[in-house]
Amino acid sequence: MLFHSSVRKELARSFGGTLVVLSTVVMTMTLLRTVGDASRGTFNPADVLLIMGYTVLSDMPTILTLSLFIGILSMLTRMYRDSEMVIWFGSGAGLARVLPALLRFAWPVILMVAGLAIVILPWAFSRIEDLRFDYEKRGDIARIEPGQFQESTDGSRVFFIEKNSKNQQVGHNVFISTTEAGKETVTTGQKGSIEVRGTDKFLLLDNGQRLERSPGQADVTLTQFTQYGARVGRSEHASRDYAPTQSISTLQMLGSSDKSYQAELSWRFGLPLAAFNLVIIALSLASANPRAGKASNLGMAFLAFVVYFNLLVLGKSWIASAHISLLSYLLLVHGGIACIAGIWLFLRHHNVSWSDWIARSTHRRGGKR
């Protein structure tokens, strides 16, 4: 049908423009956040763009869902404003007849959201954790540059090396300031070298001294040594022993009864379900009121999107705390919203307002009595 073809073409332009804008905003915010993390020593500064890419990829299901929702709403609002929907209604077709055209365009996007949420999202988080772990296990001594003070990742130590060798495994005139267990320690050595013992890295200092004092006390302990060792990181062969829930594969979660895994599954399975429901909500919500202005519908759409996604976030905490099961949550939230959106679309299709429908239902109950 010509009308359906024109709807899909215009929806493609609206969806594409919205996707570009939202992706640019998210990429900019992610870049700023990642640069801040890299400056604090969380990531390798050379991996900023790579980590930003993985982060944006993990956010892509939400970006696609919001772009589809805003694209449909903007297109339908424009059609209402230009009286194209009036012509459509005048031909004897109702609002529900537009839904097949929207779903025909939306189903590839919904499938993409499902694939990204179920497969790509945990992979992206796993790669981010791998990059973070690889940078952390390099150790504090491997991150510093000669002639510069460098704080350790946990903030408890400050390192300084006057110069180091080409392989960065040996340094000269090493200074370490440490604050731990309520004591301040300053350790210096003429030479420092890296040695791997098991899965840990140690900095071995030669021919130096160690000064130790407690804050608020005048007592100072000075110790001279010929060799002193301090743990500064993990070996390059050490494997990551911690996996956040977000980085666990979906197949592994499906075979587990862990509540945290089920909570994460509710998010991953909920994203494509939310994308489908938001298509119906956008069709039901679209209208044009010259007195309300162009931004009224977008404001309502943003509010509906925020409320829906807050329910997804709350659902994770409910399932993790064993207040509700995964299946019950999916049926209650997504099934309930689908029913509400279907009833809303039915009333709009038959040009019946919620107040008229409630009044008719009350009148019928009163008549039966």
Protein backbone atom coordinates (compact mmCIF):
# COMPACT_ATOMS: atom_id res chain seq x y z
CA MET A 1 0.00 0.00 0.00
CA LEU A 2 1.24 3.48 -0.92
CA PHE A 3 0.47 4.91 2.52
CA HIS A 4 2.42 2.17 4.30
CA SER A 5 5.36 2.64 1.93
CA SER A 6 5.49 6.38 2.57
CA VAL A 7 5.23 5.77 6.33
CA ARG A 8 8.23 3.43 6.29
CA LYS A 9 10.32 5.81 4.17
CA GLU A 10 9.64 8.78 6.41
CA LEU A 11 10.15 6.66 9.52
CA ALA A 12 13.55 5.56 8.21
CA ARG A 13 14.63 9.21 7.87
CA SER A 14 13.27 10.15 11.31
CA PHE A 15 14.80 7.08 12.97
CA GLY A 16 18.17 7.62 11.28
CA GLY A 17 18.38 11.28 12.27
CA THR A 18 17.42 10.54 15.87
CA LEU A 19 19.93 7.68 16.05
CA VAL A 20 22.78 9.91 14.84
CA VAL A 21 21.96 12.64 17.37
CA LEU A 22 21.59 10.28 20.34
CA SER A 23 24.72 8.32 19.40
CA THR A 24 26.74 11.54 19.17
CA VAL A 25 25.52 12.70 22.59
CA VAL A 26 26.24 9.33 24.22
CA MET A 27 29.68 9.10 22.60
CA THR A 28 30.61 12.57 23.82
CA MET A 29 29.49 11.85 27.38
CA THR A 30 31.22 8.46 27.35
CA LEU A 31 34.45 9.98 26.05
CA LEU A 32 34.52 12.56 28.85
CA ARG A 33 33.82 9.90 31.48
CA THR A 34 36.43 7.51 30.07
CA VAL A 35 39.09 10.23 29.91
CA GLY A 36 38.35 11.01 33.56
CA ASP A 37 38.74 7.34 34.51
CA ALA A 38 42.00 7.13 32.57
CA SER A 39 43.36 10.22 34.34
CA ARG A 40 42.66 8.53 37.68
CA GLY A 41 44.61 5.44 36.64
CA THR A 42 41.65 3.12 36.04
CA PHE A 43 42.44 2.56 32.35
CA ASN A 44 45.41 2.85 30.08
CA PRO A 45 45.20 6.28 28.38
CA ALA A 46 46.08 4.57 25.09
CA ASP A 47 42.88 2.47 25.36
CA VAL A 48 40.47 5.40 25.82
CA LEU A 49 38.91 5.17 22.34
CA LEU A 50 38.70 1.38 22.54
CA ILE A 51 36.96 1.48 25.90
CA MET A 52 34.65 4.23 24.68
CA GLY A 53 33.68 2.04 21.72
CA TYR A 54 32.88 -0.92 23.95
CA THR A 55 30.87 1.29 26.31
CA VAL A 56 28.82 2.83 23.49
CA LEU A 57 28.26 -0.66 22.08
CA SER A 58 26.86 -1.82 25.43
CA ASP A 59 24.55 1.23 25.48
CA MET A 60 23.39 0.68 21.90
CA PRO A 61 20.24 -1.38 22.81
CA THR A 62 18.92 1.55 24.83
CA ILE A 63 19.93 4.05 22.13
CA LEU A 64 18.18 2.04 19.39
CA THR A 65 15.03 1.65 21.49
CA LEU A 66 14.82 5.36 22.29
CA SER A 67 15.58 6.30 18.67
CA LEU A 68 12.80 4.03 17.41
CA PHE A 69 10.36 5.44 19.94
CA ILE A 70 11.15 9.10 19.22
CA GLY A 71 11.30 8.45 15.46
CA ILE A 72 7.80 6.92 15.37
CA LEU A 73 6.35 9.62 17.61
CA SER A 74 7.93 12.47 15.63
CA MET A 75 6.73 11.08 12.31
CA LEU A 76 3.16 10.51 13.49
CA THR A 77 3.00 13.91 15.18
CA ARG A 78 4.07 15.55 11.92
CA MET A 79 1.39 13.60 10.03
CA TYR A 80 -1.26 14.70 12.50
CA ARG A 81 -0.09 18.32 12.28
CA ASP A 82 -0.17 18.29 8.45
CA SER A 83 -3.62 16.62 8.41
CA GLU A 84 -2.31 13.50 6.69
CA MET A 85 -3.82 11.34 9.42
CA VAL A 86 -7.15 13.09 8.89
CA ILE A 87 -7.07 11.97 5.26
CA TRP A 88 -6.18 8.45 6.39
CA PHE A 89 -9.09 8.38 8.83
CA GLY A 90 -11.37 9.86 6.19
CA SER A 91 -10.67 6.89 3.91
CA GLY A 92 -12.31 4.62 6.49
CA ALA A 93 -9.11 3.25 8.04
CA GLY A 94 -8.45 3.50 11.77
CA LEU A 95 -5.33 4.14 13.78
CA ALA A 96 -4.65 0.45 14.35
CA ARG A 97 -4.22 -0.03 10.60
CA VAL A 98 -0.95 1.93 10.84
CA LEU A 99 0.55 -0.61 13.26
CA PRO A 100 1.51 -3.23 10.58
CA ALA A 101 3.55 -0.61 8.70
CA LEU A 102 5.33 0.40 11.89
CA LEU A 103 6.08 -3.19 12.88
CA ARG A 104 7.32 -3.99 9.40
CA PHE A 105 9.95 -1.30 9.83
CA ALA A 106 10.58 -1.95 13.53
CA TRP A 107 11.09 -5.72 13.60
CA PRO A 108 14.71 -5.62 12.30
CA VAL A 109 15.50 -2.95 14.91
CA ILE A 110 13.88 -5.05 17.65
CA LEU A 111 15.88 -8.10 16.56
CA MET A 112 19.04 -5.99 16.59
CA VAL A 113 18.22 -4.80 20.12
CA ALA A 114 17.71 -8.42 21.21
CA GLY A 115 21.01 -9.53 19.68
CA LEU A 116 22.94 -6.64 21.20
CA ALA A 117 21.36 -7.13 24.64
CA ILE A 118 21.72 -10.92 24.80
CA VAL A 119 25.06 -11.46 23.04
CA ILE A 120 27.03 -8.25 22.48
CA LEU A 121 26.35 -6.50 25.81
CA PRO A 122 28.07 -9.13 28.03
CA TRP A 123 30.93 -9.44 25.53
CA ALA A 124 31.52 -5.67 25.58
CA PHE A 125 31.51 -5.52 29.39
CA SER A 126 33.88 -8.49 29.49
CA ARG A 127 36.33 -6.74 27.15
CA ILE A 128 36.21 -3.58 29.30
CA GLU A 129 37.00 -5.62 32.42
CA ASP A 130 39.86 -7.37 30.58
CA LEU A 131 41.39 -4.03 29.60
CA ARG A 132 40.99 -2.72 33.14
CA PHE A 133 42.59 -5.86 34.61
CA ASP A 134 45.46 -5.87 32.10
CA TYR A 135 46.29 -2.29 33.01
CA GLU A 136 46.05 -2.93 36.75
CA LYS A 137 48.26 -6.01 36.69
CA ARG A 138 51.04 -4.06 34.98
CA GLY A 139 51.73 -2.78 38.46
CA ASP A 140 52.31 0.68 39.81
CA ILE A 141 55.98 0.82 38.85
CA ALA A 142 55.28 0.05 35.18
CA ARG A 143 52.96 3.06 34.81
CA ILE A 144 55.29 5.79 35.96
CA GLU A 145 57.62 7.90 33.87
CA PRO A 146 61.12 8.89 35.02
CA GLY A 147 61.17 12.21 36.84
CA GLN A 148 57.42 12.19 37.62
CA PHE A 149 55.54 11.36 40.80
CA GLN A 150 52.90 8.67 40.27
CA GLU A 151 50.14 7.68 42.68
CA SER A 152 49.19 4.00 42.99
CA THR A 153 45.75 2.77 41.90
CA ASP A 154 44.42 2.60 45.46
CA GLY A 155 45.94 5.96 46.43
CA SER A 156 48.01 4.52 49.29
CA ARG A 157 51.45 4.96 47.69
CA VAL A 158 53.38 7.55 45.71
CA PHE A 159 56.32 6.47 43.51
CA PHE A 160 59.20 8.41 42.03
CA ILE A 161 62.04 7.11 39.84
CA GLU A 162 64.85 9.35 38.68
CA LYS A 163 65.67 7.16 35.69
CA ASN A 164 65.08 3.60 34.50
CA SER A 165 66.54 1.14 32.04
CA LYS A 166 65.29 0.54 28.53
CA ASN A 167 63.26 -2.53 29.49
CA GLN A 168 61.63 -0.60 32.39
CA GLN A 169 62.39 -3.48 34.78
CA VAL A 170 65.20 -1.65 36.61
CA GLY A 171 65.08 1.88 38.05
CA HIS A 172 67.61 4.09 39.85
CA ASN A 173 67.11 6.42 42.81
CA VAL A 174 63.68 5.12 43.73
CA PHE A 175 61.39 6.90 46.21
CA ILE A 176 58.20 5.38 47.71
CA SER A 177 55.85 7.15 50.14
CA THR A 178 53.24 4.87 51.71
CA THR A 179 50.27 5.50 54.03
CA GLU A 180 48.68 2.37 55.46
CA ALA A 181 47.65 0.90 58.81
CA GLY A 182 47.77 4.35 60.38
CA LYS A 183 51.47 4.82 59.62
CA GLU A 184 53.41 6.93 57.15
CA THR A 185 56.46 5.34 55.56
CA VAL A 186 59.09 6.79 53.24
CA THR A 187 61.37 4.27 51.54
CA THR A 188 64.30 5.12 49.28
CA GLY A 189 66.78 2.98 47.39
CA GLN A 190 69.67 3.45 45.00
CA LYS A 191 68.27 0.86 42.61
CA GLY A 192 64.98 -0.99 42.18
CA SER A 193 64.17 -4.04 40.09
CA ILE A 194 60.98 -5.99 39.30
CA GLU A 195 60.75 -9.65 40.30
CA VAL A 196 57.81 -12.02 39.75
CA ARG A 197 56.97 -14.45 42.52
CA GLY A 198 53.97 -16.62 41.80
CA THR A 199 51.21 -14.38 40.46
CA ASP A 200 52.54 -11.21 42.14
CA LYS A 201 55.13 -8.61 41.18
CA PHE A 202 57.56 -7.23 43.74
CA LEU A 203 59.79 -4.18 43.63
CA LEU A 204 63.17 -5.05 45.17
CA LEU A 205 65.14 -2.04 46.42
CA ASP A 206 68.90 -2.18 47.01
CA ASN A 207 71.03 -0.11 49.41
CA GLY A 208 68.43 2.20 50.88
CA GLN A 209 66.64 3.27 54.03
CA ARG A 210 63.11 3.19 55.40
CA LEU A 211 61.64 5.92 57.60
CA GLU A 212 58.44 5.15 59.53
CA ARG A 213 56.34 7.42 61.73
CA SER A 214 52.82 7.59 63.16
CA PRO A 215 50.78 10.78 62.58
CA GLY A 216 50.58 12.93 65.70
CA GLN A 217 53.57 11.27 67.36
CA ALA A 218 57.16 12.42 67.52
CA ASP A 219 58.70 8.92 67.40
CA VAL A 220 60.45 8.13 64.11
CA THR A 221 61.95 4.78 63.16
CA LEU A 222 64.80 4.77 60.64
CA THR A 223 65.96 1.48 59.17
CA GLN A 224 68.75 0.91 56.68
CA PHE A 225 68.73 -2.12 54.42
CA THR A 226 70.69 -3.77 51.68
CA GLN A 227 67.54 -5.18 50.02
CA TYR A 228 63.84 -4.53 50.59
CA GLY A 229 60.78 -5.89 48.69
CA ALA A 230 57.34 -4.33 48.16
CA ARG A 231 54.41 -5.82 46.23
CA VAL A 232 53.48 -3.54 43.33
CA GLY A 233 51.16 -5.60 41.09
CA ARG A 234 50.36 -8.90 39.47
CA SER A 235 52.22 -11.00 36.97
CA GLU A 236 51.33 -10.70 33.28
CA HIS A 237 50.37 -14.38 33.40
CA ALA A 238 47.79 -13.88 36.16
CA SER A 239 44.19 -14.37 35.07
CA ARG A 240 41.21 -12.24 36.02
CA ASP A 241 39.59 -13.84 39.07
CA TYR A 242 36.55 -11.55 39.22
CA ALA A 243 33.75 -11.35 36.67
CA PRO A 244 30.97 -8.77 37.14
CA THR A 245 27.44 -9.99 36.51
CA GLN A 246 27.17 -7.78 33.43
CA SER A 247 30.09 -9.59 31.78
CA ILE A 248 28.67 -13.13 32.22
CA SER A 249 27.34 -14.71 29.03
CA THR A 250 23.60 -15.24 28.70
CA LEU A 251 23.95 -19.00 28.18
CA GLN A 252 25.85 -19.33 31.43
CA MET A 253 23.18 -17.36 33.27
CA LEU A 254 20.33 -19.45 31.88
CA GLY A 255 21.70 -22.55 33.59
CA SER A 256 22.01 -20.88 37.00
CA SER A 257 19.48 -20.14 39.74
CA ASP A 258 21.55 -17.27 41.13
CA LYS A 259 19.30 -14.28 41.84
CA SER A 260 21.87 -11.78 40.56
CA TYR A 261 22.03 -13.68 37.26
CA GLN A 262 18.24 -13.72 36.94
CA ALA A 263 18.16 -9.99 37.69
CA GLU A 264 20.61 -9.37 34.85
CA LEU A 265 18.55 -11.61 32.54
CA SER A 266 15.47 -9.50 33.29
CA TRP A 267 17.35 -6.49 31.89
CA ARG A 268 18.64 -8.28 28.78
CA PHE A 269 15.31 -9.92 27.92
CA GLY A 270 13.41 -6.78 28.88
CA LEU A 271 15.13 -4.52 26.34
CA PRO A 272 13.61 -6.10 23.17
CA LEU A 273 10.24 -6.48 24.93
CA ALA A 274 10.37 -2.81 25.86
CA ALA A 275 11.24 -1.88 22.26
CA PHE A 276 8.15 -3.74 21.00
CA ASN A 277 5.84 -2.19 23.61
CA LEU A 278 7.17 1.29 22.95
CA VAL A 279 6.17 0.97 19.27
CA ILE A 280 2.55 0.50 20.36
CA ILE A 281 2.83 3.24 22.99
CA ALA A 282 4.22 5.69 20.42
CA LEU A 283 1.32 4.96 18.06
CA SER A 284 -1.20 5.41 20.88
CA LEU A 285 0.45 8.54 22.24
CA ALA A 286 0.89 10.41 18.95
CA SER A 287 -1.41 13.38 18.38
CA ALA A 288 -1.24 17.08 17.49
CA ASN A 289 -2.69 19.86 19.61
CA PRO A 290 -1.98 23.37 18.25
CA ARG A 291 -2.65 24.90 21.67
CA ALA A 292 -0.21 22.61 23.49
CA GLY A 293 2.75 23.17 21.16
CA LYS A 294 5.10 20.78 19.37
CA ALA A 295 7.06 19.79 22.45
CA SER A 296 4.12 18.47 24.47
CA ASN A 297 4.13 15.03 22.87
CA LEU A 298 7.90 14.72 23.14
CA GLY A 299 7.67 15.62 26.83
CA MET A 300 5.07 12.93 27.43
CA ALA A 301 7.11 10.46 25.37
CA PHE A 302 10.25 11.16 27.38
CA LEU A 303 8.31 10.72 30.62
CA ALA A 304 6.87 7.40 29.43
CA PHE A 305 10.30 6.17 28.36
CA VAL A 306 11.93 7.16 31.67
CA VAL A 307 9.17 5.50 33.71
CA TYR A 308 9.39 2.31 31.64
CA PHE A 309 13.16 2.01 31.92
CA ASN A 310 13.07 2.83 35.62
CA LEU A 311 10.78 -0.17 35.99
CA LEU A 312 13.47 -2.26 34.27
CA VAL A 313 16.07 -1.01 36.74
CA LEU A 314 13.76 -1.56 39.71
CA GLY A 315 12.98 -5.03 38.39
CA LYS A 316 16.66 -5.96 38.67
CA SER A 317 16.71 -5.00 42.34
CA TRP A 318 13.39 -6.77 43.03
CA ILE A 319 14.60 -10.01 41.47
CA ALA A 320 18.05 -9.78 43.08
CA SER A 321 16.41 -9.39 46.51
CA ALA A 322 14.05 -12.35 45.79
CA HIS A 323 10.89 -10.23 45.98
CA ILE A 324 9.69 -11.57 42.63
CA SER A 325 10.72 -14.28 40.17
CA LEU A 326 12.05 -13.61 36.68
CA LEU A 327 9.03 -15.04 34.85
CA SER A 328 6.54 -13.27 37.11
CA TYR A 329 8.34 -9.97 36.59
CA LEU A 330 8.38 -10.31 32.80
CA LEU A 331 4.67 -11.16 32.73
CA LEU A 332 3.70 -8.48 35.24
CA VAL A 333 5.68 -5.53 33.87
CA HIS A 334 6.07 -6.16 30.14
CA GLY A 335 2.83 -8.12 29.78
CA GLY A 336 0.94 -5.52 31.81
CA ILE A 337 2.33 -2.63 29.78
CA ALA A 338 1.50 -4.49 26.55
CA CYS A 339 -2.10 -4.89 27.73
CA ILE A 340 -2.36 -1.21 28.70
CA ALA A 341 -0.85 -0.13 25.37
CA GLY A 342 -3.23 -2.45 23.48
CA ILE A 343 -6.29 -1.06 25.30
CA TRP A 344 -5.06 2.48 24.70
CA LEU A 345 -4.62 1.78 20.98
CA PHE A 346 -8.07 0.15 20.84
CA LEU A 347 -9.69 3.23 22.37
CA ARG A 348 -7.80 5.58 20.03
CA HIS A 349 -8.75 3.39 17.05
CA HIS A 350 -12.43 3.72 17.90
CA ASN A 351 -12.05 7.39 18.90
CA VAL A 352 -13.05 6.74 22.50
CA SER A 353 -11.40 8.64 25.35
CA TRP A 354 -10.45 7.07 28.63
CA SER A 355 -13.10 9.12 30.48
CA ASP A 356 -15.83 8.03 28.04
CA TRP A 357 -14.76 4.39 28.32
CA ILE A 358 -14.75 4.52 32.14
CA ALA A 359 -18.15 6.30 32.15
CA ARG A 360 -19.65 3.66 29.82
CA SER A 361 -18.27 0.82 31.91
CA THR A 362 -19.68 2.38 35.08
CA HIS A 363 -23.06 2.94 33.42
CA ARG A 364 -23.22 -0.68 32.25
CA ARG A 365 -22.46 -2.01 35.73
CA GLY A 366 -25.10 0.31 37.17
CA GLY A 367 -27.68 -0.86 34.62
CA LYS A 368 -27.10 -4.52 35.42
CA ARG A 369 -27.76 -3.85 39.09
